[in-house]
Amino acid sequence: MSYIADMSILPILLHPDPRLKKTCDVVGTVDAEVRKLADAMLETMYDAPGVGLAAPQVGSMARVFVMDCTDGDTDDQPLVLINPEITWTSDDLNVHSEGCLSLPELFEDVERPAAVRMSFLDIDGKPHEQQFDGLWATCAQHELDHLNGILFIDHLTRMKRSMMTKKMVKYKKELALG
């Protein structure tokens, strides 16, 4: 993770990128490098703007994600989840229109459990277990998927996934041309 210099805003990888399809490594120790990564990820997420960001989206293969699903009218409530695991899911399901900072301007309905409980380490390395529901549950599951090499489009039909990937290939080509 030492590639993170003194910059706070990190470049976000865009789909298709093979790094977004890899499973992330467990963080052994929550140290200064992990905290620096988390701080930079939060700044990047807020700048994007987004409600969640996973480490592989900024080129790190650490099992870390950040999120803040406040509505903008309230104070920020940033969360850093290190080595997160789902310990419980509700039987009730919700459908949310999901987007992703690695697939800008593309949205699609995804069905997921309406509530989840996760265990994780916080920024100080202390263990926590927390239940999330609504948008927070969707975001937590979406970001955990990233740590397992899964994108929200992987929950869609093959045809929709293919169409979105083609749009992203075209978008990346247009970005490269300036």
C-alpha atoms as a PDB file:
ATOM      1  CA  MET A   1       0.000   0.000   0.000  1.00  0.00           C
ATOM      2  CA  SER A   2       3.002   2.274  -0.011  1.00  0.00           C
ATOM      3  CA  TYR A   3       2.019   3.552  -3.470  1.00  0.00           C
ATOM      4  CA  ILE A   4      -0.186   6.090  -1.694  1.00  0.00           C
ATOM      5  CA  ALA A   5       2.004   9.153  -1.611  1.00  0.00           C
ATOM      6  CA  ASP A   6       0.877  12.335   0.092  1.00  0.00           C
ATOM      7  CA  MET A   7      -2.218  12.668  -2.065  1.00  0.00           C
ATOM      8  CA  SER A   8      -5.636  12.306  -0.553  1.00  0.00           C
ATOM      9  CA  ILE A   9      -7.770  11.856  -3.668  1.00  0.00           C
ATOM     10  CA  LEU A  10      -6.996   8.525  -5.304  1.00  0.00           C
ATOM     11  CA  PRO A  11      -7.732   7.524  -8.908  1.00  0.00           C
ATOM     12  CA  ILE A  12     -10.712   5.161  -9.132  1.00  0.00           C
ATOM     13  CA  LEU A  13     -10.330   2.113 -11.367  1.00  0.00           C
ATOM     14  CA  LEU A  14     -12.964   1.750 -14.053  1.00  0.00           C
ATOM     15  CA  HIS A  15     -14.578  -1.491 -15.215  1.00  0.00           C
ATOM     16  CA  PRO A  16     -13.382  -3.505 -17.036  1.00  0.00           C
ATOM     17  CA  ASP A  17     -10.150  -3.762 -15.064  1.00  0.00           C
ATOM     18  CA  PRO A  18      -8.858  -7.177 -13.943  1.00  0.00           C
ATOM     19  CA  ARG A  19      -7.991  -5.841 -10.475  1.00  0.00           C
ATOM     20  CA  LEU A  20     -11.704  -5.318  -9.796  1.00  0.00           C
ATOM     21  CA  LYS A  21     -12.319  -9.064 -10.237  1.00  0.00           C
ATOM     22  CA  LYS A  22      -9.790 -10.285  -7.664  1.00  0.00           C
ATOM     23  CA  THR A  23     -10.407 -11.363  -4.077  1.00  0.00           C
ATOM     24  CA  CYS A  24      -8.723  -9.065  -1.568  1.00  0.00           C
ATOM     25  CA  ASP A  25      -6.243 -10.124   1.095  1.00  0.00           C
ATOM     26  CA  VAL A  26      -7.070 -10.104   4.798  1.00  0.00           C
ATOM     27  CA  VAL A  27      -5.453  -7.178   6.623  1.00  0.00           C
ATOM     28  CA  GLY A  28      -3.060  -8.656   9.196  1.00  0.00           C
ATOM     29  CA  THR A  29      -2.461  -5.532  11.258  1.00  0.00           C
ATOM     30  CA  VAL A  30      -4.297  -2.225  11.317  1.00  0.00           C
ATOM     31  CA  ASP A  31      -1.282   0.053  11.102  1.00  0.00           C
ATOM     32  CA  ALA A  32      -0.441   3.536   9.854  1.00  0.00           C
ATOM     33  CA  GLU A  33      -0.520   2.402   6.203  1.00  0.00           C
ATOM     34  CA  VAL A  34      -4.019   0.953   6.567  1.00  0.00           C
ATOM     35  CA  ARG A  35      -5.222   4.110   8.325  1.00  0.00           C
ATOM     36  CA  LYS A  36      -3.650   6.252   5.596  1.00  0.00           C
ATOM     37  CA  LEU A  37      -5.397   4.155   2.938  1.00  0.00           C
ATOM     38  CA  ALA A  38      -8.754   4.451   4.753  1.00  0.00           C
ATOM     39  CA  ASP A  39      -8.398   8.238   5.131  1.00  0.00           C
ATOM     40  CA  ALA A  40      -7.559   8.616   1.435  1.00  0.00           C
ATOM     41  CA  MET A  41     -10.467   6.347   0.496  1.00  0.00           C
ATOM     42  CA  LEU A  42     -12.898   8.459   2.528  1.00  0.00           C
ATOM     43  CA  GLU A  43     -11.661  11.657   0.883  1.00  0.00           C
ATOM     44  CA  THR A  44     -11.903  10.021  -2.531  1.00  0.00           C
ATOM     45  CA  MET A  45     -15.429   8.722  -1.823  1.00  0.00           C
ATOM     46  CA  TYR A  46     -16.686  12.128  -0.663  1.00  0.00           C
ATOM     47  CA  ASP A  47     -15.000  13.862  -3.609  1.00  0.00           C
ATOM     48  CA  ALA A  48     -16.464  11.461  -6.213  1.00  0.00           C
ATOM     49  CA  PRO A  49     -19.197  11.793  -4.687  1.00  0.00           C
ATOM     50  CA  GLY A  50     -20.275   8.353  -3.538  1.00  0.00           C
ATOM     51  CA  VAL A  51     -21.667   6.527  -0.519  1.00  0.00           C
ATOM     52  CA  GLY A  52     -19.131   3.701  -0.490  1.00  0.00           C
ATOM     53  CA  LEU A  53     -15.695   2.773  -1.806  1.00  0.00           C
ATOM     54  CA  ALA A  54     -13.736  -0.467  -1.585  1.00  0.00           C
ATOM     55  CA  ALA A  55      -9.939  -0.766  -1.603  1.00  0.00           C
ATOM     56  CA  PRO A  56      -9.700  -2.611  -4.946  1.00  0.00           C
ATOM     57  CA  GLN A  57     -11.440   0.343  -6.605  1.00  0.00           C
ATOM     58  CA  VAL A  58      -8.343   2.417  -5.806  1.00  0.00           C
ATOM     59  CA  GLY A  59      -5.863  -0.337  -6.676  1.00  0.00           C
ATOM     60  CA  SER A  60      -5.297  -1.818  -3.205  1.00  0.00           C
ATOM     61  CA  MET A  61      -5.956  -5.495  -2.565  1.00  0.00           C
ATOM     62  CA  ALA A  62      -6.629  -5.007   1.167  1.00  0.00           C
ATOM     63  CA  ARG A  63      -9.969  -6.118   2.676  1.00  0.00           C
ATOM     64  CA  VAL A  64     -11.052  -2.569   3.495  1.00  0.00           C
ATOM     65  CA  PHE A  65     -14.060  -0.517   2.545  1.00  0.00           C
ATOM     66  CA  VAL A  66     -15.502   2.813   3.612  1.00  0.00           C
ATOM     67  CA  MET A  67     -19.067   4.067   3.508  1.00  0.00           C
ATOM     68  CA  ASP A  68     -21.314   6.911   4.548  1.00  0.00           C
ATOM     69  CA  CYS A  69     -24.976   6.724   3.541  1.00  0.00           C
ATOM     70  CA  THR A  70     -26.116   9.933   5.218  1.00  0.00           C
ATOM     71  CA  ASP A  71     -28.339  12.081   3.038  1.00  0.00           C
ATOM     72  CA  GLY A  72     -26.151  15.176   2.966  1.00  0.00           C
ATOM     73  CA  ASP A  73     -28.544  17.130   5.205  1.00  0.00           C
ATOM     74  CA  THR A  74     -27.070  15.487   8.292  1.00  0.00           C
ATOM     75  CA  ASP A  75     -23.537  15.268   9.623  1.00  0.00           C
ATOM     76  CA  ASP A  76     -21.227  12.798   7.917  1.00  0.00           C
ATOM     77  CA  GLN A  77     -21.114   9.354   9.501  1.00  0.00           C
ATOM     78  CA  PRO A  78     -18.070   7.751   7.873  1.00  0.00           C
ATOM     79  CA  LEU A  79     -17.433   4.102   8.613  1.00  0.00           C
ATOM     80  CA  VAL A  80     -14.238   2.174   7.931  1.00  0.00           C
ATOM     81  CA  LEU A  81     -14.697  -1.607   7.827  1.00  0.00           C
ATOM     82  CA  ILE A  82     -11.558  -3.751   7.822  1.00  0.00           C
ATOM     83  CA  ASN A  83     -11.821  -7.508   7.193  1.00  0.00           C
ATOM     84  CA  PRO A  84     -15.644  -7.318   7.137  1.00  0.00           C
ATOM     85  CA  GLU A  85     -17.746 -10.465   7.213  1.00  0.00           C
ATOM     86  CA  ILE A  86     -21.498 -10.929   7.087  1.00  0.00           C
ATOM     87  CA  THR A  87     -22.648 -12.774  10.207  1.00  0.00           C
ATOM     88  CA  TRP A  88     -26.408 -12.606   9.534  1.00  0.00           C
ATOM     89  CA  THR A  89     -28.810 -11.661   6.755  1.00  0.00           C
ATOM     90  CA  SER A  90     -32.524 -10.983   6.949  1.00  0.00           C
ATOM     91  CA  ASP A  91     -35.003 -13.121   5.060  1.00  0.00           C
ATOM     92  CA  ASP A  92     -36.647  -9.930   3.784  1.00  0.00           C
ATOM     93  CA  LEU A  93     -35.266  -8.589   0.529  1.00  0.00           C
ATOM     94  CA  ASN A  94     -34.988  -5.047  -0.845  1.00  0.00           C
ATOM     95  CA  VAL A  95     -34.446  -3.797  -4.351  1.00  0.00           C
ATOM     96  CA  HIS A  96     -32.276  -0.698  -4.746  1.00  0.00           C
ATOM     97  CA  SER A  97     -31.075   1.032  -7.855  1.00  0.00           C
ATOM     98  CA  GLU A  98     -27.330   0.531  -7.526  1.00  0.00           C
ATOM     99  CA  GLY A  99     -24.533   2.429  -9.133  1.00  0.00           C
ATOM    100  CA  CYS A 100     -20.787   2.214  -8.707  1.00  0.00           C
ATOM    101  CA  LEU A 101     -17.895   4.654  -8.856  1.00  0.00           C
ATOM    102  CA  SER A 102     -16.117   2.110 -11.080  1.00  0.00           C
ATOM    103  CA  LEU A 103     -19.081   2.162 -13.508  1.00  0.00           C
ATOM    104  CA  PRO A 104     -19.968   5.869 -13.573  1.00  0.00           C
ATOM    105  CA  GLU A 105     -23.472   6.898 -14.610  1.00  0.00           C
ATOM    106  CA  LEU A 106     -24.713   3.289 -14.879  1.00  0.00           C
ATOM    107  CA  PHE A 107     -27.504   2.149 -12.559  1.00  0.00           C
ATOM    108  CA  GLU A 108     -29.607  -0.978 -12.276  1.00  0.00           C
ATOM    109  CA  ASP A 109     -31.949  -2.555  -9.745  1.00  0.00           C
ATOM    110  CA  VAL A 110     -30.320  -5.226  -7.580  1.00  0.00           C
ATOM    111  CA  GLU A 111     -32.113  -7.390  -5.026  1.00  0.00           C
ATOM    112  CA  ARG A 112     -30.299  -8.052  -1.752  1.00  0.00           C
ATOM    113  CA  PRO A 113     -31.169  -8.873   1.868  1.00  0.00           C
ATOM    114  CA  ALA A 114     -32.910  -5.875   3.473  1.00  0.00           C
ATOM    115  CA  ALA A 115     -30.719  -6.074   6.586  1.00  0.00           C
ATOM    116  CA  VAL A 116     -27.318  -7.564   7.390  1.00  0.00           C
ATOM    117  CA  ARG A 117     -25.077  -7.825  10.409  1.00  0.00           C
ATOM    118  CA  MET A 118     -21.333  -7.535   9.860  1.00  0.00           C
ATOM    119  CA  SER A 119     -18.318  -8.135  12.012  1.00  0.00           C
ATOM    120  CA  PHE A 120     -15.250  -6.035  11.224  1.00  0.00           C
ATOM    121  CA  LEU A 121     -12.267  -4.192  12.639  1.00  0.00           C
ATOM    122  CA  ASP A 122     -12.458  -0.419  12.925  1.00  0.00           C
ATOM    123  CA  ILE A 123      -9.720   2.087  12.095  1.00  0.00           C
ATOM    124  CA  ASP A 124      -8.128   1.411  15.501  1.00  0.00           C
ATOM    125  CA  GLY A 125      -8.117  -2.358  14.952  1.00  0.00           C
ATOM    126  CA  LYS A 126     -10.928  -2.922  17.458  1.00  0.00           C
ATOM    127  CA  PRO A 127     -13.532  -5.592  16.640  1.00  0.00           C
ATOM    128  CA  HIS A 128     -17.129  -4.523  16.060  1.00  0.00           C
ATOM    129  CA  GLU A 129     -20.391  -6.076  15.013  1.00  0.00           C
ATOM    130  CA  GLN A 130     -23.055  -3.826  13.555  1.00  0.00           C
ATOM    131  CA  GLN A 131     -26.407  -4.283  11.882  1.00  0.00           C
ATOM    132  CA  PHE A 132     -27.252  -2.305   8.755  1.00  0.00           C
ATOM    133  CA  ASP A 133     -30.586  -1.863   7.015  1.00  0.00           C
ATOM    134  CA  GLY A 134     -31.988   0.072   4.078  1.00  0.00           C
ATOM    135  CA  LEU A 135     -29.405   1.863   1.958  1.00  0.00           C
ATOM    136  CA  TRP A 136     -26.706   1.109   4.560  1.00  0.00           C
ATOM    137  CA  ALA A 137     -27.323  -2.662   4.114  1.00  0.00           C
ATOM    138  CA  THR A 138     -27.248  -2.383   0.326  1.00  0.00           C
ATOM    139  CA  CYS A 139     -24.044  -0.345   0.425  1.00  0.00           C
ATOM    140  CA  ALA A 140     -22.314  -2.691   2.888  1.00  0.00           C
ATOM    141  CA  GLN A 141     -23.154  -5.730   0.727  1.00  0.00           C
ATOM    142  CA  HIS A 142     -22.122  -3.909  -2.475  1.00  0.00           C
ATOM    143  CA  GLU A 143     -18.746  -2.942  -0.993  1.00  0.00           C
ATOM    144  CA  LEU A 144     -18.160  -6.396   0.496  1.00  0.00           C
ATOM    145  CA  ASP A 145     -18.813  -7.821  -2.968  1.00  0.00           C
ATOM    146  CA  HIS A 146     -15.955  -5.638  -4.271  1.00  0.00           C
ATOM    147  CA  LEU A 147     -13.602  -7.257  -1.746  1.00  0.00           C
ATOM    148  CA  ASN A 148     -14.603 -10.631  -3.206  1.00  0.00           C
ATOM    149  CA  GLY A 149     -14.098  -9.581  -6.842  1.00  0.00           C
ATOM    150  CA  ILE A 150     -17.824  -9.142  -7.527  1.00  0.00           C
ATOM    151  CA  LEU A 151     -19.379  -6.089  -9.177  1.00  0.00           C
ATOM    152  CA  PHE A 152     -23.048  -5.135  -8.904  1.00  0.00           C
ATOM    153  CA  ILE A 153     -23.462  -6.008 -12.588  1.00  0.00           C
ATOM    154  CA  ASP A 154     -22.562  -9.606 -11.719  1.00  0.00           C
ATOM    155  CA  HIS A 155     -26.025  -9.788 -10.077  1.00  0.00           C
ATOM    156  CA  LEU A 156     -27.693  -8.944 -13.416  1.00  0.00           C
ATOM    157  CA  THR A 157     -28.560 -11.046 -16.427  1.00  0.00           C
ATOM    158  CA  ARG A 158     -25.741 -11.871 -18.810  1.00  0.00           C
ATOM    159  CA  MET A 159     -27.260  -9.567 -21.440  1.00  0.00           C
ATOM    160  CA  LYS A 160     -27.481  -6.540 -19.104  1.00  0.00           C
ATOM    161  CA  ARG A 161     -23.958  -7.215 -17.785  1.00  0.00           C
ATOM    162  CA  SER A 162     -22.628  -7.408 -21.356  1.00  0.00           C
ATOM    163  CA  MET A 163     -24.372  -4.169 -22.365  1.00  0.00           C
ATOM    164  CA  MET A 164     -22.982  -2.308 -19.353  1.00  0.00           C
ATOM    165  CA  THR A 165     -19.478  -3.648 -19.971  1.00  0.00           C
ATOM    166  CA  LYS A 166     -19.655  -2.502 -23.621  1.00  0.00           C
ATOM    167  CA  LYS A 167     -20.741   0.966 -22.465  1.00  0.00           C
ATOM    168  CA  MET A 168     -17.787   1.086 -20.086  1.00  0.00           C
ATOM    169  CA  VAL A 169     -15.305  -0.002 -22.773  1.00  0.00           C
ATOM    170  CA  LYS A 170     -16.618   2.809 -24.991  1.00  0.00           C
ATOM    171  CA  TYR A 171     -16.481   5.284 -22.079  1.00  0.00           C
ATOM    172  CA  LYS A 172     -12.855   4.342 -21.285  1.00  0.00           C
ATOM    173  CA  LYS A 173     -11.892   4.768 -24.952  1.00  0.00           C
ATOM    174  CA  GLU A 174     -13.501   8.219 -25.010  1.00  0.00           C
ATOM    175  CA  LEU A 175     -11.634   9.174 -21.819  1.00  0.00           C
ATOM    176  CA  ALA A 176      -8.349   8.018 -23.350  1.00  0.00           C
ATOM    177  CA  LEU A 177      -8.944  10.154 -26.444  1.00  0.00           C
ATOM    178  CA  GLY A 178      -9.584  13.174 -24.254  1.00  0.00           C
END
